[in-house]
Amino acid sequence: MVDKRPKDNVYEEHRINWRGQEITVRWCPAWLGGDTAHLEIVTQDRSPHPISQTGCRSHFCPREVVDDAGGPVAIVAAWLEWVDDGKAVQLTLF
């Protein structure tokens, strides 16, 4: 018999280009085996993006919220658009 339940802390990884920034979206639909999911949104060079000034954002939420939004890529893209103020992101030189 094959166990078809999601495994603890198994991540999918997606890459998107959002307004010239390479962003990795990591998605774990069953973080610690429960109904809580984990999203990790990281820019390739750790430069800031609208939902994180450090370039890395960790977010926990019910799995159904992400599923209802169309999946991890769709919800992250919508979140970036919603928070974006249209101003250029100040990049650091060091």
PDB file of N, CA and C in Angstrom:
ATOM      1  N   MET A   1       0.837  -1.179   0.000  1.00  0.00           N
ATOM      2  CA  MET A   1       0.000   0.000   0.000  1.00  0.00           C
ATOM      3  C   MET A   1       0.886   1.248   0.000  1.00  0.00           C
ATOM      4  N   VAL A   2       0.566   2.196  -0.857  1.00  0.00           N
ATOM      5  CA  VAL A   2       1.344   3.421  -0.992  1.00  0.00           C
ATOM      6  C   VAL A   2       0.680   4.530  -0.185  1.00  0.00           C
ATOM      7  N   ASP A   3       1.470   5.195   0.642  1.00  0.00           N
ATOM      8  CA  ASP A   3       0.983   6.321   1.438  1.00  0.00           C
ATOM      9  C   ASP A   3       0.977   7.560   0.554  1.00  0.00           C
ATOM     10  N   LYS A   4      -0.206   8.117   0.269  1.00  0.00           N
ATOM     11  CA  LYS A   4      -0.326   9.268  -0.629  1.00  0.00           C
ATOM     12  C   LYS A   4      -0.455  10.594   0.117  1.00  0.00           C
ATOM     13  N   ARG A   5      -0.320  10.567   1.436  1.00  0.00           N
ATOM     14  CA  ARG A   5      -0.372  11.808   2.205  1.00  0.00           C
ATOM     15  C   ARG A   5       0.879  12.630   1.914  1.00  0.00           C
ATOM     16  N   PRO A   6       0.756  13.975   1.926  1.00  0.00           N
ATOM     17  CA  PRO A   6       1.952  14.805   1.721  1.00  0.00           C
ATOM     18  C   PRO A   6       2.986  14.528   2.810  1.00  0.00           C
ATOM     19  N   LYS A   7       4.238  14.485   2.435  1.00  0.00           N
ATOM     20  CA  LYS A   7       5.319  14.269   3.384  1.00  0.00           C
ATOM     21  C   LYS A   7       5.674  15.589   4.063  1.00  0.00           C
ATOM     22  N   ASP A   8       6.123  15.492   5.306  1.00  0.00           N
ATOM     23  CA  ASP A   8       6.541  16.676   6.043  1.00  0.00           C
ATOM     24  C   ASP A   8       7.668  17.399   5.312  1.00  0.00           C
ATOM     25  N   ASN A   9       7.546  18.697   5.229  1.00  0.00           N
ATOM     26  CA  ASN A   9       8.597  19.586   4.745  1.00  0.00           C
ATOM     27  C   ASN A   9       9.172  19.218   3.378  1.00  0.00           C
ATOM     28  N   VAL A  10       8.334  18.750   2.467  1.00  0.00           N
ATOM     29  CA  VAL A  10       8.747  18.522   1.084  1.00  0.00           C
ATOM     30  C   VAL A  10       8.364  19.777   0.297  1.00  0.00           C
ATOM     31  N   TYR A  11       9.356  20.392  -0.340  1.00  0.00           N
ATOM     32  CA  TYR A  11       9.142  21.661  -1.032  1.00  0.00           C
ATOM     33  C   TYR A  11       9.134  21.494  -2.543  1.00  0.00           C
ATOM     34  N   GLU A  12       8.248  22.243  -3.182  1.00  0.00           N
ATOM     35  CA  GLU A  12       8.309  22.472  -4.627  1.00  0.00           C
ATOM     36  C   GLU A  12       9.100  23.760  -4.797  1.00  0.00           C
ATOM     37  N   GLU A  13       9.804  23.879  -5.907  1.00  0.00           N
ATOM     38  CA  GLU A  13      10.550  25.108  -6.164  1.00  0.00           C
ATOM     39  C   GLU A  13      10.171  25.642  -7.537  1.00  0.00           C
ATOM     40  N   HIS A  14       9.813  26.928  -7.575  1.00  0.00           N
ATOM     41  CA  HIS A  14       9.428  27.599  -8.816  1.00  0.00           C
ATOM     42  C   HIS A  14      10.281  28.856  -8.965  1.00  0.00           C
ATOM     43  N   ARG A  15      10.597  29.190 -10.198  1.00  0.00           N
ATOM     44  CA  ARG A  15      11.337  30.430 -10.461  1.00  0.00           C
ATOM     45  C   ARG A  15      10.463  31.327 -11.334  1.00  0.00           C
ATOM     46  N   ILE A  16      10.413  32.598 -10.921  1.00  0.00           N
ATOM     47  CA  ILE A  16       9.675  33.587 -11.703  1.00  0.00           C
ATOM     48  C   ILE A  16      10.556  34.805 -11.911  1.00  0.00           C
ATOM     49  N   ASN A  17      10.248  35.551 -12.958  1.00  0.00           N
ATOM     50  CA  ASN A  17      10.899  36.831 -13.195  1.00  0.00           C
ATOM     51  C   ASN A  17       9.829  37.881 -12.981  1.00  0.00           C
ATOM     52  N   TRP A  18       9.996  38.669 -11.937  1.00  0.00           N
ATOM     53  CA  TRP A  18       9.014  39.704 -11.620  1.00  0.00           C
ATOM     54  C   TRP A  18       9.688  41.055 -11.785  1.00  0.00           C
ATOM     55  N   ARG A  19       9.296  41.767 -12.841  1.00  0.00           N
ATOM     56  CA  ARG A  19       9.833  43.102 -13.138  1.00  0.00           C
ATOM     57  C   ARG A  19      11.354  43.130 -13.123  1.00  0.00           C
ATOM     58  N   GLY A  20      11.943  42.116 -13.735  1.00  0.00           N
ATOM     59  CA  GLY A  20      13.399  42.045 -13.858  1.00  0.00           C
ATOM     60  C   GLY A  20      14.115  41.373 -12.706  1.00  0.00           C
ATOM     61  N   GLN A  21      13.403  41.006 -11.663  1.00  0.00           N
ATOM     62  CA  GLN A  21      14.023  40.310 -10.541  1.00  0.00           C
ATOM     63  C   GLN A  21      13.759  38.816 -10.651  1.00  0.00           C
ATOM     64  N   GLU A  22      14.829  38.039 -10.521  1.00  0.00           N
ATOM     65  CA  GLU A  22      14.692  36.592 -10.483  1.00  0.00           C
ATOM     66  C   GLU A  22      14.303  36.204  -9.064  1.00  0.00           C
ATOM     67  N   ILE A  23      13.152  35.566  -8.932  1.00  0.00           N
ATOM     68  CA  ILE A  23      12.636  35.202  -7.616  1.00  0.00           C
ATOM     69  C   ILE A  23      12.372  33.702  -7.578  1.00  0.00           C
ATOM     70  N   THR A  24      12.806  33.079  -6.505  1.00  0.00           N
ATOM     71  CA  THR A  24      12.514  31.677  -6.266  1.00  0.00           C
ATOM     72  C   THR A  24      11.375  31.593  -5.263  1.00  0.00           C
ATOM     73  N   VAL A  25      10.359  30.815  -5.616  1.00  0.00           N
ATOM     74  CA  VAL A  25       9.225  30.573  -4.736  1.00  0.00           C
ATOM     75  C   VAL A  25       9.320  29.115  -4.298  1.00  0.00           C
ATOM     76  N   ARG A  26       9.510  28.916  -3.014  1.00  0.00           N
ATOM     77  CA  ARG A  26       9.531  27.560  -2.456  1.00  0.00           C
ATOM     78  C   ARG A  26       8.213  27.351  -1.734  1.00  0.00           C
ATOM     79  N   TRP A  27       7.602  26.184  -1.937  1.00  0.00           N
ATOM     80  CA  TRP A  27       6.252  25.909  -1.442  1.00  0.00           C
ATOM     81  C   TRP A  27       6.198  24.542  -0.792  1.00  0.00           C
ATOM     82  N   CYS A  28       5.774  24.514   0.455  1.00  0.00           N
ATOM     83  CA  CYS A  28       5.577  23.264   1.178  1.00  0.00           C
ATOM     84  C   CYS A  28       4.109  23.231   1.616  1.00  0.00           C
ATOM     85  N   PRO A  29       3.268  22.451   0.946  1.00  0.00           N
ATOM     86  CA  PRO A  29       1.834  22.459   1.246  1.00  0.00           C
ATOM     87  C   PRO A  29       1.458  21.806   2.568  1.00  0.00           C
ATOM     88  N   ALA A  30       2.350  21.011   3.144  1.00  0.00           N
ATOM     89  CA  ALA A  30       2.035  20.321   4.404  1.00  0.00           C
ATOM     90  C   ALA A  30       3.205  20.459   5.361  1.00  0.00           C
ATOM     91  N   TRP A  31       3.485  21.693   5.759  1.00  0.00           N
ATOM     92  CA  TRP A  31       4.592  21.938   6.660  1.00  0.00           C
ATOM     93  C   TRP A  31       4.337  21.235   7.981  1.00  0.00           C
ATOM     94  N   LEU A  32       5.255  20.458   8.417  1.00  0.00           N
ATOM     95  CA  LEU A  32       5.143  19.627   9.621  1.00  0.00           C
ATOM     96  C   LEU A  32       3.959  18.672   9.566  1.00  0.00           C
ATOM     97  N   GLY A  33       3.506  18.342   8.366  1.00  0.00           N
ATOM     98  CA  GLY A  33       2.477  17.328   8.185  1.00  0.00           C
ATOM     99  C   GLY A  33       1.054  17.776   8.432  1.00  0.00           C
ATOM    100  N   GLY A  34       0.841  19.035   8.722  1.00  0.00           N
ATOM    101  CA  GLY A  34      -0.506  19.516   9.020  1.00  0.00           C
ATOM    102  C   GLY A  34      -1.123  20.302   7.888  1.00  0.00           C
ATOM    103  N   ASP A  35      -2.138  21.102   8.229  1.00  0.00           N
ATOM    104  CA  ASP A  35      -2.827  21.932   7.243  1.00  0.00           C
ATOM    105  C   ASP A  35      -2.119  23.264   7.013  1.00  0.00           C
ATOM    106  N   THR A  36      -1.080  23.533   7.782  1.00  0.00           N
ATOM    107  CA  THR A  36      -0.319  24.763   7.607  1.00  0.00           C
ATOM    108  C   THR A  36       0.685  24.571   6.477  1.00  0.00           C
ATOM    109  N   ALA A  37       0.727  25.553   5.594  1.00  0.00           N
ATOM    110  CA  ALA A  37       1.659  25.522   4.472  1.00  0.00           C
ATOM    111  C   ALA A  37       2.739  26.582   4.696  1.00  0.00           C
ATOM    112  N   HIS A  38       3.837  26.450   3.968  1.00  0.00           N
ATOM    113  CA  HIS A  38       4.930  27.412   4.076  1.00  0.00           C
ATOM    114  C   HIS A  38       5.329  27.885   2.684  1.00  0.00           C
ATOM    115  N   LEU A  39       5.388  29.207   2.535  1.00  0.00           N
ATOM    116  CA  LEU A  39       5.894  29.847   1.320  1.00  0.00           C
ATOM    117  C   LEU A  39       7.203  30.537   1.665  1.00  0.00           C
ATOM    118  N   GLU A  40       8.175  30.407   0.791  1.00  0.00           N
ATOM    119  CA  GLU A  40       9.426  31.132   0.946  1.00  0.00           C
ATOM    120  C   GLU A  40       9.669  31.857  -0.369  1.00  0.00           C
ATOM    121  N   ILE A  41       9.848  33.166  -0.290  1.00  0.00           N
ATOM    122  CA  ILE A  41      10.018  34.002  -1.481  1.00  0.00           C
ATOM    123  C   ILE A  41      11.393  34.659  -1.383  1.00  0.00           C
ATOM    124  N   VAL A  42      12.312  34.304  -2.302  1.00  0.00           N
ATOM    125  CA  VAL A  42      13.694  34.750  -2.210  1.00  0.00           C
ATOM    126  C   VAL A  42      14.170  35.264  -3.563  1.00  0.00           C
ATOM    127  N   THR A  43      14.770  36.460  -3.583  1.00  0.00           N
ATOM    128  CA  THR A  43      15.392  36.940  -4.812  1.00  0.00           C
ATOM    129  C   THR A  43      16.736  36.235  -4.977  1.00  0.00           C
ATOM    130  N   GLN A  44      17.111  36.039  -6.217  1.00  0.00           N
ATOM    131  CA  GLN A  44      18.330  35.283  -6.516  1.00  0.00           C
ATOM    132  C   GLN A  44      19.556  35.925  -5.864  1.00  0.00           C
ATOM    133  N   ASP A  45      19.637  37.257  -5.891  1.00  0.00           N
ATOM    134  CA  ASP A  45      20.797  37.948  -5.331  1.00  0.00           C
ATOM    135  C   ASP A  45      20.508  38.568  -3.964  1.00  0.00           C
ATOM    136  N   ARG A  46      19.370  38.169  -3.361  1.00  0.00           N
ATOM    137  CA  ARG A  46      18.929  38.665  -2.051  1.00  0.00           C
ATOM    138  C   ARG A  46      18.680  40.176  -2.048  1.00  0.00           C
ATOM    139  N   SER A  47      18.389  40.734  -3.222  1.00  0.00           N
ATOM    140  CA  SER A  47      18.030  42.142  -3.276  1.00  0.00           C
ATOM    141  C   SER A  47      16.573  42.311  -2.825  1.00  0.00           C
ATOM    142  N   PRO A  48      16.229  43.484  -2.307  1.00  0.00           N
ATOM    143  CA  PRO A  48      14.869  43.710  -1.806  1.00  0.00           C
ATOM    144  C   PRO A  48      13.810  43.553  -2.898  1.00  0.00           C
ATOM    145  N   HIS A  49      12.625  43.185  -2.467  1.00  0.00           N
ATOM    146  CA  HIS A  49      11.452  43.169  -3.333  1.00  0.00           C
ATOM    147  C   HIS A  49      10.286  43.713  -2.511  1.00  0.00           C
ATOM    148  N   PRO A  50       9.139  43.972  -3.102  1.00  0.00           N
ATOM    149  CA  PRO A  50       8.066  44.661  -2.373  1.00  0.00           C
ATOM    150  C   PRO A  50       7.590  43.995  -1.082  1.00  0.00           C
ATOM    151  N   ILE A  51       7.798  42.702  -0.920  1.00  0.00           N
ATOM    152  CA  ILE A  51       7.326  42.076   0.318  1.00  0.00           C
ATOM    153  C   ILE A  51       8.464  41.695   1.259  1.00  0.00           C
ATOM    154  N   SER A  52       9.705  42.129   0.930  1.00  0.00           N
ATOM    155  CA  SER A  52      10.829  41.889   1.837  1.00  0.00           C
ATOM    156  C   SER A  52      11.986  42.819   1.511  1.00  0.00           C
ATOM    157  N   GLN A  53      12.419  43.555   2.502  1.00  0.00           N
ATOM    158  CA  GLN A  53      13.577  44.429   2.300  1.00  0.00           C
ATOM    159  C   GLN A  53      14.887  43.660   2.340  1.00  0.00           C
ATOM    160  N   THR A  54      14.851  42.421   2.797  1.00  0.00           N
ATOM    161  CA  THR A  54      16.060  41.595   2.848  1.00  0.00           C
ATOM    162  C   THR A  54      16.170  40.647   1.659  1.00  0.00           C
ATOM    163  N   GLY A  55      15.127  40.606   0.822  1.00  0.00           N
ATOM    164  CA  GLY A  55      15.124  39.698  -0.319  1.00  0.00           C
ATOM    165  C   GLY A  55      14.649  38.304   0.003  1.00  0.00           C
ATOM    166  N   CYS A  56      14.286  38.066   1.261  1.00  0.00           N
ATOM    167  CA  CYS A  56      13.812  36.741   1.669  1.00  0.00           C
ATOM    168  C   CYS A  56      12.597  36.904   2.575  1.00  0.00           C
ATOM    169  N   ARG A  57      11.501  36.245   2.215  1.00  0.00           N
ATOM    170  CA  ARG A  57      10.277  36.316   3.018  1.00  0.00           C
ATOM    171  C   ARG A  57       9.778  34.904   3.263  1.00  0.00           C
ATOM    172  N   SER A  58       9.513  34.592   4.510  1.00  0.00           N
ATOM    173  CA  SER A  58       8.943  33.319   4.901  1.00  0.00           C
ATOM    174  C   SER A  58       7.522  33.592   5.365  1.00  0.00           C
ATOM    175  N   HIS A  59       6.571  32.796   4.874  1.00  0.00           N
ATOM    176  CA  HIS A  59       5.160  33.043   5.200  1.00  0.00           C
ATOM    177  C   HIS A  59       4.442  31.712   5.424  1.00  0.00           C
ATOM    178  N   PHE A  60       3.763  31.617   6.550  1.00  0.00           N
ATOM    179  CA  PHE A  60       2.967  30.443   6.881  1.00  0.00           C
ATOM    180  C   PHE A  60       1.492  30.783   6.742  1.00  0.00           C
ATOM    181  N   CYS A  61       0.714  29.878   6.164  1.00  0.00           N
ATOM    182  CA  CYS A  61      -0.707  30.121   5.961  1.00  0.00           C
ATOM    183  C   CYS A  61      -1.421  28.788   5.760  1.00  0.00           C
ATOM    184  N   PRO A  62      -2.752  28.805   5.816  1.00  0.00           N
ATOM    185  CA  PRO A  62      -3.476  27.565   5.501  1.00  0.00           C
ATOM    186  C   PRO A  62      -3.254  27.182   4.033  1.00  0.00           C
ATOM    187  N   ARG A  63      -3.057  25.915   3.769  1.00  0.00           N
ATOM    188  CA  ARG A  63      -2.820  25.420   2.406  1.00  0.00           C
ATOM    189  C   ARG A  63      -3.935  25.840   1.455  1.00  0.00           C
ATOM    190  N   GLU A  64      -5.179  25.857   1.930  1.00  0.00           N
ATOM    191  CA  GLU A  64      -6.326  26.183   1.078  1.00  0.00           C
ATOM    192  C   GLU A  64      -6.262  27.608   0.531  1.00  0.00           C
ATOM    193  N   VAL A  65      -5.659  28.533   1.272  1.00  0.00           N
ATOM    194  CA  VAL A  65      -5.542  29.920   0.806  1.00  0.00           C
ATOM    195  C   VAL A  65      -4.735  29.963  -0.488  1.00  0.00           C
ATOM    196  N   VAL A  66      -3.634  29.226  -0.519  1.00  0.00           N
ATOM    197  CA  VAL A  66      -2.776  29.201  -1.706  1.00  0.00           C
ATOM    198  C   VAL A  66      -3.460  28.434  -2.838  1.00  0.00           C
ATOM    199  N   ASP A  67      -4.077  27.317  -2.512  1.00  0.00           N
ATOM    200  CA  ASP A  67      -4.789  26.535  -3.533  1.00  0.00           C
ATOM    201  C   ASP A  67      -5.899  27.358  -4.172  1.00  0.00           C
ATOM    202  N   ASP A  68      -6.677  28.071  -3.349  1.00  0.00           N
ATOM    203  CA  ASP A  68      -7.782  28.882  -3.860  1.00  0.00           C
ATOM    204  C   ASP A  68      -7.311  30.056  -4.720  1.00  0.00           C
ATOM    205  N   ALA A  69      -6.072  30.504  -4.497  1.00  0.00           N
ATOM    206  CA  ALA A  69      -5.517  31.621  -5.268  1.00  0.00           C
ATOM    207  C   ALA A  69      -4.891  31.161  -6.583  1.00  0.00           C
ATOM    208  N   GLY A  70      -4.842  29.863  -6.825  1.00  0.00           N
ATOM    209  CA  GLY A  70      -4.283  29.353  -8.071  1.00  0.00           C
ATOM    210  C   GLY A  70      -2.911  28.735  -7.928  1.00  0.00           C
ATOM    211  N   GLY A  71      -2.421  28.593  -6.708  1.00  0.00           N
ATOM    212  CA  GLY A  71      -1.121  27.969  -6.486  1.00  0.00           C
ATOM    213  C   GLY A  71      -0.095  28.964  -5.988  1.00  0.00           C
ATOM    214  N   PRO A  72       1.092  28.467  -5.655  1.00  0.00           N
ATOM    215  CA  PRO A  72       2.113  29.323  -5.055  1.00  0.00           C
ATOM    216  C   PRO A  72       2.617  30.448  -5.960  1.00  0.00           C
ATOM    217  N   VAL A  73       2.803  30.178  -7.237  1.00  0.00           N
ATOM    218  CA  VAL A  73       3.287  31.226  -8.140  1.00  0.00           C
ATOM    219  C   VAL A  73       2.229  32.320  -8.298  1.00  0.00           C
ATOM    220  N   ALA A  74       0.985  31.925  -8.468  1.00  0.00           N
ATOM    221  CA  ALA A  74      -0.094  32.900  -8.644  1.00  0.00           C
ATOM    222  C   ALA A  74      -0.258  33.784  -7.413  1.00  0.00           C
ATOM    223  N   ILE A  75      -0.199  33.200  -6.216  1.00  0.00           N
ATOM    224  CA  ILE A  75      -0.403  34.009  -5.017  1.00  0.00           C
ATOM    225  C   ILE A  75       0.780  34.944  -4.764  1.00  0.00           C
ATOM    226  N   VAL A  76       2.000  34.494  -5.051  1.00  0.00           N
ATOM    227  CA  VAL A  76       3.163  35.361  -4.870  1.00  0.00           C
ATOM    228  C   VAL A  76       3.134  36.507  -5.871  1.00  0.00           C
ATOM    229  N   ALA A  77       2.811  36.232  -7.125  1.00  0.00           N
ATOM    230  CA  ALA A  77       2.726  37.299  -8.129  1.00  0.00           C
ATOM    231  C   ALA A  77       1.654  38.321  -7.745  1.00  0.00           C
ATOM    232  N   ALA A  78       0.504  37.854  -7.282  1.00  0.00           N
ATOM    233  CA  ALA A  78      -0.564  38.766  -6.853  1.00  0.00           C
ATOM    234  C   ALA A  78      -0.134  39.574  -5.637  1.00  0.00           C
ATOM    235  N   TRP A  79       0.559  38.947  -4.706  1.00  0.00           N
ATOM    236  CA  TRP A  79       1.032  39.621  -3.507  1.00  0.00           C
ATOM    237  C   TRP A  79       2.041  40.713  -3.867  1.00  0.00           C
ATOM    238  N   LEU A  80       2.981  40.401  -4.763  1.00  0.00           N
ATOM    239  CA  LEU A  80       3.962  41.397  -5.205  1.00  0.00           C
ATOM    240  C   LEU A  80       3.274  42.587  -5.868  1.00  0.00           C
ATOM    241  N   GLU A  81       2.319  42.326  -6.735  1.00  0.00           N
ATOM    242  CA  GLU A  81       1.585  43.407  -7.405  1.00  0.00           C
ATOM    243  C   GLU A  81       0.786  44.245  -6.413  1.00  0.00           C
ATOM    244  N   TRP A  82       0.176  43.590  -5.444  1.00  0.00           N
ATOM    245  CA  TRP A  82      -0.664  44.282  -4.469  1.00  0.00           C
ATOM    246  C   TRP A  82       0.158  45.226  -3.589  1.00  0.00           C
ATOM    247  N   VAL A  83       1.358  44.788  -3.190  1.00  0.00           N
ATOM    248  CA  VAL A  83       2.192  45.574  -2.286  1.00  0.00           C
ATOM    249  C   VAL A  83       3.054  46.593  -3.025  1.00  0.00           C
ATOM    250  N   ASP A  84       3.364  46.351  -4.282  1.00  0.00           N
ATOM    251  CA  ASP A  84       4.255  47.222  -5.041  1.00  0.00           C
ATOM    252  C   ASP A  84       3.704  48.636  -5.125  1.00  0.00           C
ATOM    253  N   ASP A  85       4.566  49.614  -4.796  1.00  0.00           N
ATOM    254  CA  ASP A  85       4.151  51.010  -4.860  1.00  0.00           C
ATOM    255  C   ASP A  85       4.599  51.693  -6.154  1.00  0.00           C
ATOM    256  N   GLY A  86       5.246  50.938  -7.034  1.00  0.00           N
ATOM    257  CA  GLY A  86       5.672  51.480  -8.316  1.00  0.00           C
ATOM    258  C   GLY A  86       7.008  52.196  -8.271  1.00  0.00           C
ATOM    259  N   LYS A  87       7.569  52.376  -7.083  1.00  0.00           N
ATOM    260  CA  LYS A  87       8.855  53.055  -6.952  1.00  0.00           C
ATOM    261  C   LYS A  87       9.978  52.046  -7.175  1.00  0.00           C
ATOM    262  N   ALA A  88      11.066  52.526  -7.720  1.00  0.00           N
ATOM    263  CA  ALA A  88      12.218  51.664  -7.937  1.00  0.00           C
ATOM    264  C   ALA A  88      12.755  51.196  -6.595  1.00  0.00           C
ATOM    265  N   VAL A  89      13.227  49.958  -6.558  1.00  0.00           N
ATOM    266  CA  VAL A  89      13.821  49.406  -5.347  1.00  0.00           C
ATOM    267  C   VAL A  89      15.249  49.886  -5.261  1.00  0.00           C
ATOM    268  N   GLN A  90      15.646  50.443  -4.099  1.00  0.00           N
ATOM    269  CA  GLN A  90      17.013  50.891  -3.904  1.00  0.00           C
ATOM    270  C   GLN A  90      17.917  49.692  -3.687  1.00  0.00           C
ATOM    271  N   LEU A  91      18.862  49.507  -4.582  1.00  0.00           N
ATOM    272  CA  LEU A  91      19.803  48.398  -4.461  1.00  0.00           C
ATOM    273  C   LEU A  91      21.032  48.851  -3.707  1.00  0.00           C
ATOM    274  N   THR A  92      21.690  47.943  -3.027  1.00  0.00           N
ATOM    275  CA  THR A  92      22.909  48.278  -2.299  1.00  0.00           C
ATOM    276  C   THR A  92      24.114  48.004  -3.181  1.00  0.00           C
ATOM    277  N   LEU A  93      25.192  48.717  -2.931  1.00  0.00           N
ATOM    278  CA  LEU A  93      26.419  48.525  -3.686  1.00  0.00           C
ATOM    279  C   LEU A  93      27.325  47.496  -3.040  1.00  0.00           C
ATOM    280  N   PHE A  94      27.076  47.174  -1.803  1.00  0.00           N
ATOM    281  CA  PHE A  94      27.944  46.230  -1.082  1.00  0.00           C
ATOM    282  C   PHE A  94      27.180  45.054  -0.593  1.00  0.00           C
TER     283      PHE A  94
END
